Amino acid sequence: MYKELIKGYLDKHYPTLKGDERKHQENRVKPLIGKLTDKKSIYKDLPFDYLGMEEQINLLHYILEKSTERQIVANMGKTDVDRDYYDFILKDEDKNWVTQEFMKSIEGFEPYNLIECKWENRNLIRYSGLSSAEVLENLNSLNERIIYLLFDEIQKFKILGIDFECMSYITDYIDYTADWVLQFLIHHVIWNEDIDRPKIMSNLLNTLNSLSDKIDFQLERKRKEGFHRLDAEKATRYFSFYRTNDVYYREVLGIYDVLRKEVDENPTLFSLVEDKYRVRKELISEEELGNLQETITEGQHSYDYNIKLGITRRFIDVMGQYGGRQCFSNCPQDLKTYYREIFMSKVKYKGKQSSTIVQEYLGKIETSGAIEPFDKDSQYMFVREKISRGYFREKNNLDMYFLKADIEKALYNLLVKLYLFYDFSTILEFIYEVNREFLRSLSNDIKG
């Protein structure tokens, strides 16, 4: 099927080889083509067959001869949030040089800061004091402003004769979208007992599933039409961003599956909190802290309680700095939540319990004398989600926690698919439309 491609590859890069030497190079490139065109592997989402032969040859040569990662093709198929997949991007050095020199010539140019917009949204959602309806109106206005600014910039670059694609706009706009949706759910829906929370969340989930079906339809149409003006650099760039973000989201969802299974298998540990064991988000004295054991353990035995409590308090102080969390080592609710998720929950993730992860992390900080990142992103994500689950459980809202997890799963699966359009403007338009549909769905339910 790919005889012409193999011949073209050998003729271009090994024109003088004959006999066994030519056969050797053929035996190297032939299985690579098989892997890149395997419709049952992760490469089914790489539009290799849509590239012209010259671009296919460029990609094959890059993987076999120029890539610094020996197992690059195999490693792209591994799910590991503690790495990225950008080594797969074919580096067009001439193109990169021209772009960099051109950008230097545009005085004062800086990409729009969508990360800053995300943090502005968090302040709007959490601390503005506006009603839910007013918050949604502000979010809608900001979404309109973002898409206007991005396409205005695209148009200005076109006038200058350059097809500029800033990939951070896509990654940051997707992150922006997922973040405000989840922040709004937590701060305006899940903890608001005056509204029909299950109905609102179910409607949002239906909206997500409906949008996902529409995206699938559009992607299928795109594949039938073909990917115009697609070269090897662009194909590998979008595919690499897709894999890196898809792996991150799947790590989050895998953690949810582990935590859900633990709840199902340990009904006593995760039962409804009795009134006598409920604690508040307030600061208390050191003397009062000494009387919390019965409440924190809910009457269950926990050996070396005082030692573990000291570790818990140190970790809470660190998380207040590292994670920017509003948690305090003399707050009963924080202490109980952290203690139970670190030391009473025994579930492992990638072979380690949260107690081991936390103690190793604190040891690392003590050695360096400064706040350090976790050794692995997956470890931080696991501990972070356990703590989040603990707060939901403390407020007898575990059902809401896992409904939120279902929404996240649908949300992430939807957003990450947008990379597969392999077109900058199209992806930005879809992110904008997804935002608009979410805002419409939530606004209708909040007002209704």
Protein backbone atom coordinates (compact mmCIF):
# COMPACT_ATOMS: atom_id res chain seq x y z
CA MET A 1 0.00 0.00 0.00
CA TYR A 2 2.85 2.38 0.81
CA LYS A 3 5.38 1.06 -1.74
CA GLU A 4 5.59 4.41 -3.53
CA LEU A 5 6.17 6.23 -0.23
CA ILE A 6 8.93 3.81 0.79
CA LYS A 7 10.59 4.16 -2.60
CA GLY A 8 10.33 7.96 -2.40
CA TYR A 9 11.87 7.96 1.08
CA LEU A 10 14.80 5.75 0.04
CA ASP A 11 15.40 7.63 -3.20
CA LYS A 12 15.58 10.96 -1.38
CA HIS A 13 17.68 10.05 1.65
CA TYR A 14 19.61 6.96 0.51
CA PRO A 15 19.87 7.31 -3.28
CA THR A 16 23.23 5.55 -3.55
CA LEU A 17 22.44 2.52 -1.41
CA LYS A 18 21.88 -0.81 -3.09
CA GLY A 19 21.30 -4.41 -2.15
CA ASP A 20 21.34 -5.32 1.51
CA GLU A 21 22.10 -1.77 2.64
CA ARG A 22 19.03 -0.41 0.87
CA LYS A 23 16.98 -3.32 2.22
CA HIS A 24 18.16 -2.46 5.73
CA GLN A 25 16.85 1.09 5.44
CA GLU A 26 13.61 -0.21 3.94
CA ASN A 27 13.17 -2.50 6.96
CA ARG A 28 13.57 0.52 9.23
CA VAL A 29 11.02 2.77 7.54
CA LYS A 30 8.39 0.14 6.67
CA PRO A 31 7.34 -0.73 10.27
CA LEU A 32 7.38 2.97 11.17
CA ILE A 33 4.80 3.67 8.48
CA GLY A 34 2.76 0.78 9.86
CA LYS A 35 2.77 2.30 13.33
CA LEU A 36 1.87 5.80 12.13
CA THR A 37 -1.08 4.45 10.14
CA ASP A 38 -2.38 1.94 12.71
CA LYS A 39 -6.08 2.76 13.11
CA LYS A 40 -6.22 0.90 16.43
CA SER A 41 -3.46 2.93 18.09
CA ILE A 42 -3.23 6.50 19.35
CA TYR A 43 -1.87 7.37 15.89
CA LYS A 44 -5.37 7.01 14.44
CA ASP A 45 -5.71 10.70 15.38
CA LEU A 46 -2.57 11.72 13.46
CA PRO A 47 -3.60 12.70 9.89
CA PHE A 48 -0.55 11.06 8.32
CA ASP A 49 -2.45 9.95 5.20
CA TYR A 50 -3.58 13.54 4.57
CA LEU A 51 -0.02 14.80 4.21
CA GLY A 52 1.56 15.07 0.81
CA MET A 53 4.25 12.50 0.07
CA GLU A 54 7.07 15.01 0.53
CA GLU A 55 5.75 15.92 3.98
CA GLN A 56 5.33 12.25 4.89
CA ILE A 57 8.94 11.66 3.91
CA ASN A 58 10.06 14.62 6.03
CA LEU A 59 8.24 13.23 9.06
CA LEU A 60 9.64 9.73 8.61
CA HIS A 61 13.17 11.08 8.28
CA TYR A 62 12.77 13.25 11.38
CA ILE A 63 11.63 10.31 13.51
CA LEU A 64 14.30 7.92 12.24
CA GLU A 65 17.28 10.23 12.00
CA LYS A 66 16.80 13.59 13.72
CA SER A 67 14.68 13.08 16.83
CA THR A 68 16.67 13.13 20.08
CA GLU A 69 14.33 10.57 21.66
CA ARG A 70 15.08 7.03 20.53
CA GLN A 71 11.73 5.52 21.53
CA ILE A 72 9.68 8.52 20.45
CA VAL A 73 7.00 6.56 18.56
CA ALA A 74 6.46 4.00 21.32
CA ASN A 75 6.54 6.62 24.08
CA MET A 76 3.80 8.67 22.43
CA GLY A 77 1.44 5.80 23.24
CA LYS A 78 2.23 5.78 26.95
CA THR A 79 -0.03 7.57 29.40
CA ASP A 80 2.23 9.47 31.78
CA VAL A 81 1.31 12.91 33.09
CA ASP A 82 4.85 13.38 34.42
CA ARG A 83 6.21 13.95 30.92
CA ASP A 84 5.24 15.90 27.83
CA TYR A 85 5.07 14.73 24.24
CA TYR A 86 6.50 17.74 22.42
CA ASP A 87 9.61 15.91 21.19
CA PHE A 88 7.37 14.46 18.49
CA ILE A 89 7.03 17.88 16.85
CA LEU A 90 9.03 18.08 13.64
CA LYS A 91 11.24 21.12 14.02
CA ASP A 92 11.31 23.27 10.90
CA GLU A 93 14.42 25.32 11.77
CA ASP A 94 14.14 27.66 8.80
CA LYS A 95 10.50 28.39 9.51
CA ASN A 96 11.17 28.90 13.23
CA TRP A 97 14.03 31.30 12.49
CA VAL A 98 11.93 33.39 10.10
CA THR A 99 9.07 33.55 12.61
CA GLN A 100 11.34 34.53 15.49
CA GLU A 101 13.05 37.26 13.47
CA PHE A 102 9.70 38.57 12.28
CA MET A 103 8.31 38.69 15.82
CA LYS A 104 11.38 40.61 17.00
CA SER A 105 10.62 43.25 14.39
CA ILE A 106 7.14 43.93 15.81
CA GLU A 107 7.87 46.42 18.55
CA GLY A 108 5.94 45.96 21.78
CA PHE A 109 4.11 42.78 20.73
CA GLU A 110 3.05 40.48 23.56
CA PRO A 111 0.56 37.61 23.34
CA TYR A 112 -2.72 38.12 25.19
CA ASN A 113 -2.56 36.74 28.72
CA LEU A 114 -5.44 34.28 28.99
CA ILE A 115 -3.96 32.85 32.19
CA GLU A 116 -4.48 36.23 33.80
CA CYS A 117 -8.07 36.16 32.55
CA LYS A 118 -8.52 32.81 34.30
CA TRP A 119 -7.43 34.26 37.63
CA GLU A 120 -9.68 37.28 37.12
CA ASN A 121 -12.55 34.86 36.62
CA ARG A 122 -11.74 33.10 39.87
CA ASN A 123 -11.92 36.39 41.73
CA LEU A 124 -15.19 37.21 39.96
CA ILE A 125 -16.72 33.83 40.79
CA ARG A 126 -15.47 33.58 44.37
CA TYR A 127 -15.25 37.05 45.81
CA SER A 128 -17.19 39.61 43.72
CA GLY A 129 -20.39 39.32 45.75
CA LEU A 130 -22.40 39.33 42.50
CA SER A 131 -25.37 37.02 42.03
CA SER A 132 -24.89 33.84 39.98
CA ALA A 133 -26.80 35.40 37.07
CA GLU A 134 -24.60 38.51 37.15
CA VAL A 135 -21.44 36.40 37.27
CA LEU A 136 -22.58 34.50 34.19
CA GLU A 137 -23.31 37.76 32.36
CA ASN A 138 -19.79 38.96 33.12
CA LEU A 139 -18.31 35.66 31.95
CA ASN A 140 -20.27 35.90 28.73
CA SER A 141 -19.00 39.42 28.09
CA LEU A 142 -15.43 38.30 28.70
CA ASN A 143 -15.81 35.35 26.32
CA GLU A 144 -17.01 37.74 23.60
CA ARG A 145 -14.09 40.04 24.29
CA ILE A 146 -11.54 37.21 24.13
CA ILE A 147 -12.67 35.89 20.77
CA TYR A 148 -12.78 39.42 19.34
CA LEU A 149 -9.22 40.17 20.46
CA LEU A 150 -7.84 36.85 19.22
CA PHE A 151 -9.37 37.11 15.76
CA ASP A 152 -8.47 40.78 15.51
CA GLU A 153 -4.85 39.74 16.09
CA ILE A 154 -5.08 36.92 13.55
CA GLN A 155 -6.38 39.37 10.96
CA LYS A 156 -3.61 41.89 11.66
CA PHE A 157 -0.97 39.20 11.15
CA LYS A 158 -2.61 38.17 7.87
CA ILE A 159 -2.37 41.76 6.67
CA LEU A 160 1.35 41.59 7.44
CA GLY A 161 1.58 38.43 5.37
CA ILE A 162 2.17 35.87 8.13
CA ASP A 163 0.00 32.96 9.22
CA PHE A 164 0.78 33.23 12.93
CA GLU A 165 -0.44 30.47 15.27
CA CYS A 166 0.14 30.93 18.99
CA MET A 167 -0.49 27.47 20.48
CA SER A 168 -0.65 28.88 24.00
CA TYR A 169 -3.90 30.61 22.99
CA ILE A 170 -5.49 27.21 22.41
CA THR A 171 -4.10 25.54 25.54
CA ASP A 172 -4.85 28.56 27.74
CA TYR A 173 -8.33 29.14 26.29
CA ILE A 174 -9.18 25.47 26.91
CA ASP A 175 -7.79 25.70 30.44
CA TYR A 176 -9.71 28.95 30.94
CA THR A 177 -12.93 27.23 29.88
CA ALA A 178 -12.54 24.16 32.08
CA ASP A 179 -11.51 26.29 35.04
CA TRP A 180 -14.43 28.72 35.09
CA VAL A 181 -16.97 25.93 34.58
CA LEU A 182 -15.65 23.95 37.55
CA GLN A 183 -15.16 27.05 39.70
CA PHE A 184 -18.72 28.17 39.03
CA LEU A 185 -20.10 24.72 39.82
CA ILE A 186 -18.25 24.59 43.13
CA HIS A 187 -18.95 28.12 44.33
CA HIS A 188 -22.39 28.84 42.85
CA VAL A 189 -24.07 25.46 42.43
CA ILE A 190 -22.74 22.64 44.58
CA TRP A 191 -22.76 24.53 47.87
CA ASN A 192 -25.99 26.43 47.12
CA GLU A 193 -28.80 24.46 48.72
CA ASP A 194 -31.42 27.00 47.58
CA ILE A 195 -31.31 25.72 43.99
CA ASP A 196 -31.98 22.38 42.34
CA ARG A 197 -28.34 21.32 42.20
CA PRO A 198 -28.76 17.84 40.66
CA LYS A 199 -31.00 19.24 37.92
CA ILE A 200 -28.58 22.03 36.99
CA MET A 201 -25.61 19.66 36.92
CA SER A 202 -27.53 17.03 34.96
CA ASN A 203 -28.59 19.63 32.41
CA LEU A 204 -24.99 20.78 32.05
CA LEU A 205 -23.90 17.17 31.56
CA ASN A 206 -26.55 16.79 28.84
CA THR A 207 -25.26 19.96 27.18
CA LEU A 208 -21.73 18.55 27.27
CA ASN A 209 -22.79 15.25 25.73
CA SER A 210 -24.80 17.03 23.02
CA LEU A 211 -21.85 19.28 22.18
CA SER A 212 -19.52 16.28 22.10
CA ASP A 213 -21.77 14.57 19.55
CA LYS A 214 -21.77 17.72 17.40
CA ILE A 215 -17.97 17.95 17.60
CA ASP A 216 -17.68 14.29 16.56
CA PHE A 217 -19.91 15.01 13.56
CA GLN A 218 -17.80 18.02 12.57
CA LEU A 219 -14.57 16.06 12.98
CA GLU A 220 -15.87 13.28 10.77
CA ARG A 221 -16.84 15.81 8.12
CA LYS A 222 -13.39 17.40 8.41
CA ARG A 223 -11.73 14.03 7.81
CA LYS A 224 -13.84 13.44 4.72
CA GLU A 225 -13.08 16.89 3.35
CA GLY A 226 -9.38 16.58 4.13
CA PHE A 227 -6.93 18.77 6.02
CA HIS A 228 -5.94 21.54 3.64
CA ARG A 229 -2.48 23.18 3.80
CA LEU A 230 -1.33 20.67 6.40
CA ASP A 231 2.40 20.00 6.60
CA ALA A 232 4.39 17.63 8.81
CA GLU A 233 5.41 20.34 11.28
CA LYS A 234 1.83 21.46 11.84
CA ALA A 235 0.45 17.91 12.03
CA THR A 236 2.99 16.83 14.63
CA ARG A 237 2.58 20.07 16.57
CA TYR A 238 -1.19 19.72 17.02
CA PHE A 239 -0.92 15.99 17.64
CA SER A 240 1.73 16.52 20.33
CA PHE A 241 -0.37 19.16 22.09
CA TYR A 242 -3.37 16.84 21.86
CA ARG A 243 -1.46 13.95 23.43
CA THR A 244 0.08 16.07 26.20
CA ASN A 245 -3.27 17.54 27.24
CA ASP A 246 -5.20 14.31 26.76
CA VAL A 247 -2.78 12.48 29.04
CA TYR A 248 -3.16 15.14 31.74
CA TYR A 249 -6.94 14.92 31.66
CA ARG A 250 -6.92 11.14 31.66
CA GLU A 251 -4.68 11.19 34.71
CA VAL A 252 -7.28 13.30 36.54
CA LEU A 253 -10.07 10.96 35.49
CA GLY A 254 -8.05 7.90 36.49
CA ILE A 255 -7.60 9.37 39.96
CA TYR A 256 -11.37 9.89 40.21
CA ASP A 257 -11.91 6.22 39.36
CA VAL A 258 -9.53 5.16 42.14
CA LEU A 259 -11.22 7.44 44.69
CA ARG A 260 -14.72 6.33 43.67
CA LYS A 261 -13.74 2.68 44.04
CA GLU A 262 -12.33 3.30 47.52
CA VAL A 263 -15.58 4.95 48.63
CA ASP A 264 -17.60 2.02 47.30
CA GLU A 265 -15.38 -0.50 49.09
CA ASN A 266 -15.15 1.37 52.42
CA PRO A 267 -18.69 2.46 53.36
CA THR A 268 -17.79 2.97 57.03
CA LEU A 269 -14.87 5.31 56.42
CA PHE A 270 -16.93 7.37 53.97
CA SER A 271 -20.33 7.21 55.64
CA LEU A 272 -22.40 10.33 56.33
CA VAL A 273 -20.79 12.43 59.05
CA GLU A 274 -22.75 12.33 62.29
CA ASP A 275 -23.66 15.69 63.80
CA LYS A 276 -21.42 15.10 66.82
CA TYR A 277 -18.41 14.78 64.53
CA ARG A 278 -19.12 17.80 62.32
CA VAL A 279 -16.55 20.60 62.46
CA ARG A 280 -16.54 24.16 61.20
CA LYS A 281 -14.16 26.28 59.17
CA GLU A 282 -12.87 28.38 62.05
CA LEU A 283 -9.63 29.00 63.91
CA ILE A 284 -9.19 27.60 67.42
CA SER A 285 -6.52 27.68 70.13
CA GLU A 286 -3.73 25.14 70.66
CA GLU A 287 -5.49 23.99 73.82
CA GLU A 288 -8.68 23.27 71.92
CA LEU A 289 -6.71 21.37 69.27
CA GLY A 290 -5.74 18.85 71.96
CA ASN A 291 -9.37 17.78 72.31
CA LEU A 292 -10.03 16.98 68.65
CA GLN A 293 -8.90 13.36 68.38
CA GLU A 294 -12.34 11.80 68.89
CA THR A 295 -13.86 14.17 66.33
CA ILE A 296 -11.12 13.81 63.69
CA THR A 297 -11.06 10.00 63.82
CA GLU A 298 -14.83 9.77 64.40
CA GLY A 299 -14.23 7.38 67.26
CA GLN A 300 -11.96 5.03 65.29
CA HIS A 301 -8.51 4.00 66.47
CA SER A 302 -5.60 5.68 64.70
CA TYR A 303 -2.16 4.74 66.04
CA ASP A 304 0.51 7.42 66.55
CA TYR A 305 -2.23 10.02 66.34
CA ASN A 306 -0.18 12.92 67.75
CA ILE A 307 2.76 12.24 65.42
CA LYS A 308 0.44 12.06 62.42
CA LEU A 309 -1.36 15.20 63.52
CA GLY A 310 1.96 17.06 63.58
CA ILE A 311 2.73 15.87 60.05
CA THR A 312 -0.75 16.90 58.95
CA ARG A 313 -0.32 20.39 60.37
CA ARG A 314 3.01 20.88 58.63
CA PHE A 315 1.53 19.77 55.34
CA ILE A 316 -1.46 22.10 55.69
CA ASP A 317 0.91 25.03 56.22
CA VAL A 318 2.86 24.04 53.09
CA MET A 319 -0.29 23.63 50.99
CA GLY A 320 -1.38 27.09 52.06
CA GLN A 321 1.77 28.35 50.33
CA TYR A 322 2.35 25.84 47.52
CA GLY A 323 -1.24 25.38 46.43
CA GLY A 324 -2.49 28.84 47.33
CA ARG A 325 -5.23 27.23 49.42
CA GLN A 326 -7.22 28.80 52.22
CA CYS A 327 -6.25 26.14 54.76
CA PHE A 328 -4.93 26.56 58.29
CA SER A 329 -3.20 24.19 60.69
CA ASN A 330 -5.40 25.31 63.60
CA CYS A 331 -8.71 24.97 61.74
CA PRO A 332 -10.71 21.87 62.79
CA GLN A 333 -12.28 21.34 59.35
CA ASP A 334 -8.92 21.53 57.59
CA LEU A 335 -7.23 19.29 60.15
CA LYS A 336 -9.94 16.65 60.02
CA THR A 337 -10.12 16.60 56.23
CA TYR A 338 -6.37 16.41 55.70
CA TYR A 339 -5.76 13.92 58.51
CA ARG A 340 -8.39 11.45 57.33
CA GLU A 341 -7.39 11.62 53.65
CA ILE A 342 -3.67 11.35 54.41
CA PHE A 343 -3.63 8.77 57.19
CA MET A 344 -6.99 6.99 57.42
CA SER A 345 -7.61 6.49 53.71
CA LYS A 346 -5.26 3.67 52.62
CA VAL A 347 -5.85 3.67 48.86
CA LYS A 348 -2.73 3.66 46.70
CA TYR A 349 -2.09 5.44 43.42
CA LYS A 350 0.80 4.20 41.31
CA GLY A 351 2.00 2.12 44.24
CA LYS A 352 2.01 4.84 46.93
CA GLN A 353 -0.39 5.88 49.67
CA SER A 354 -0.94 9.58 50.27
CA SER A 355 0.77 9.27 53.69
CA THR A 356 4.01 8.16 51.99
CA ILE A 357 3.78 10.88 49.33
CA VAL A 358 3.19 13.58 51.94
CA GLN A 359 6.00 12.49 54.26
CA GLU A 360 8.49 12.17 51.39
CA TYR A 361 7.48 15.60 50.16
CA LEU A 362 7.89 17.21 53.59
CA GLY A 363 11.30 15.56 53.90
CA LYS A 364 12.30 17.08 50.56
CA ILE A 365 11.27 20.53 51.77
CA GLU A 366 13.13 20.15 55.06
CA THR A 367 16.28 19.16 53.15
CA SER A 368 16.14 22.07 50.70
CA GLY A 369 14.85 24.64 53.20
CA ALA A 370 12.35 25.99 50.64
CA ILE A 371 8.95 25.19 49.18
CA GLU A 372 9.53 22.79 46.30
CA PRO A 373 7.26 21.27 43.67
CA PHE A 374 6.25 17.64 44.15
CA ASP A 375 8.58 15.10 42.56
CA LYS A 376 5.78 14.05 40.23
CA ASP A 377 2.74 15.95 39.02
CA SER A 378 0.67 12.79 39.39
CA GLN A 379 1.46 12.64 43.11
CA TYR A 380 0.35 16.22 43.66
CA MET A 381 -2.82 15.62 41.64
CA PHE A 382 -3.63 12.50 43.67
CA VAL A 383 -3.19 14.21 47.04
CA ARG A 384 -5.02 17.33 45.85
CA GLU A 385 -8.06 15.34 44.73
CA LYS A 386 -8.13 13.31 47.93
CA ILE A 387 -8.23 16.52 49.95
CA SER A 388 -11.02 17.86 47.75
CA ARG A 389 -12.97 14.63 48.26
CA GLY A 390 -12.48 14.96 52.00
CA TYR A 391 -14.08 18.40 52.11
CA PHE A 392 -17.08 17.16 50.14
CA ARG A 393 -17.42 14.18 52.47
CA GLU A 394 -17.17 16.43 55.53
CA LYS A 395 -20.22 18.32 54.26
CA ASN A 396 -22.06 15.08 53.37
CA ASN A 397 -21.82 15.92 49.68
CA LEU A 398 -19.93 12.98 48.21
CA ASP A 399 -22.71 12.45 45.67
CA MET A 400 -22.09 16.00 44.40
CA TYR A 401 -18.33 15.33 44.29
CA PHE A 402 -18.74 12.39 41.95
CA LEU A 403 -21.39 14.13 39.85
CA LYS A 404 -18.82 16.91 39.43
CA ALA A 405 -16.33 14.22 38.41
CA ASP A 406 -18.73 12.98 35.72
CA ILE A 407 -19.03 16.53 34.40
CA GLU A 408 -15.23 16.89 34.38
CA LYS A 409 -14.90 13.67 32.41
CA ALA A 410 -17.33 14.88 29.76
CA LEU A 411 -15.80 18.36 29.78
CA TYR A 412 -12.22 17.17 29.31
CA ASN A 413 -13.14 14.63 26.65
CA LEU A 414 -14.92 17.37 24.73
CA LEU A 415 -12.23 20.05 24.99
CA VAL A 416 -9.24 17.87 24.15
CA LYS A 417 -10.90 16.65 20.93
CA LEU A 418 -10.76 20.18 19.55
CA TYR A 419 -7.04 19.81 18.82
CA LEU A 420 -7.94 17.23 16.19
CA PHE A 421 -9.25 19.87 13.81
CA TYR A 422 -5.59 20.77 13.16
CA ASP A 423 -6.58 24.35 12.40
CA PHE A 424 -5.87 27.35 14.63
CA SER A 425 -8.88 29.54 13.81
CA THR A 426 -11.33 26.64 13.74
CA ILE A 427 -10.26 25.44 17.19
CA LEU A 428 -10.54 28.93 18.70
CA GLU A 429 -14.03 29.30 17.20
CA PHE A 430 -15.12 25.99 18.70
CA ILE A 431 -13.75 26.89 22.14
CA TYR A 432 -15.71 30.14 21.96
CA GLU A 433 -18.89 28.28 20.95
CA VAL A 434 -18.43 25.73 23.74
CA ASN A 435 -18.11 28.57 26.25
CA ARG A 436 -21.23 30.22 24.88
CA GLU A 437 -23.26 27.00 25.13
CA PHE A 438 -22.13 26.37 28.71
CA LEU A 439 -23.05 29.92 29.70
CA ARG A 440 -26.43 29.64 27.99
CA SER A 441 -27.24 26.34 29.73
CA LEU A 442 -26.24 27.58 33.17
CA SER A 443 -27.97 30.95 32.71
CA ASN A 444 -31.26 29.31 31.73
CA ASP A 445 -31.19 27.06 34.79
CA ILE A 446 -30.07 29.75 37.24
CA LYS A 447 -32.74 32.19 36.07
CA GLY A 448 -35.36 29.48 35.80
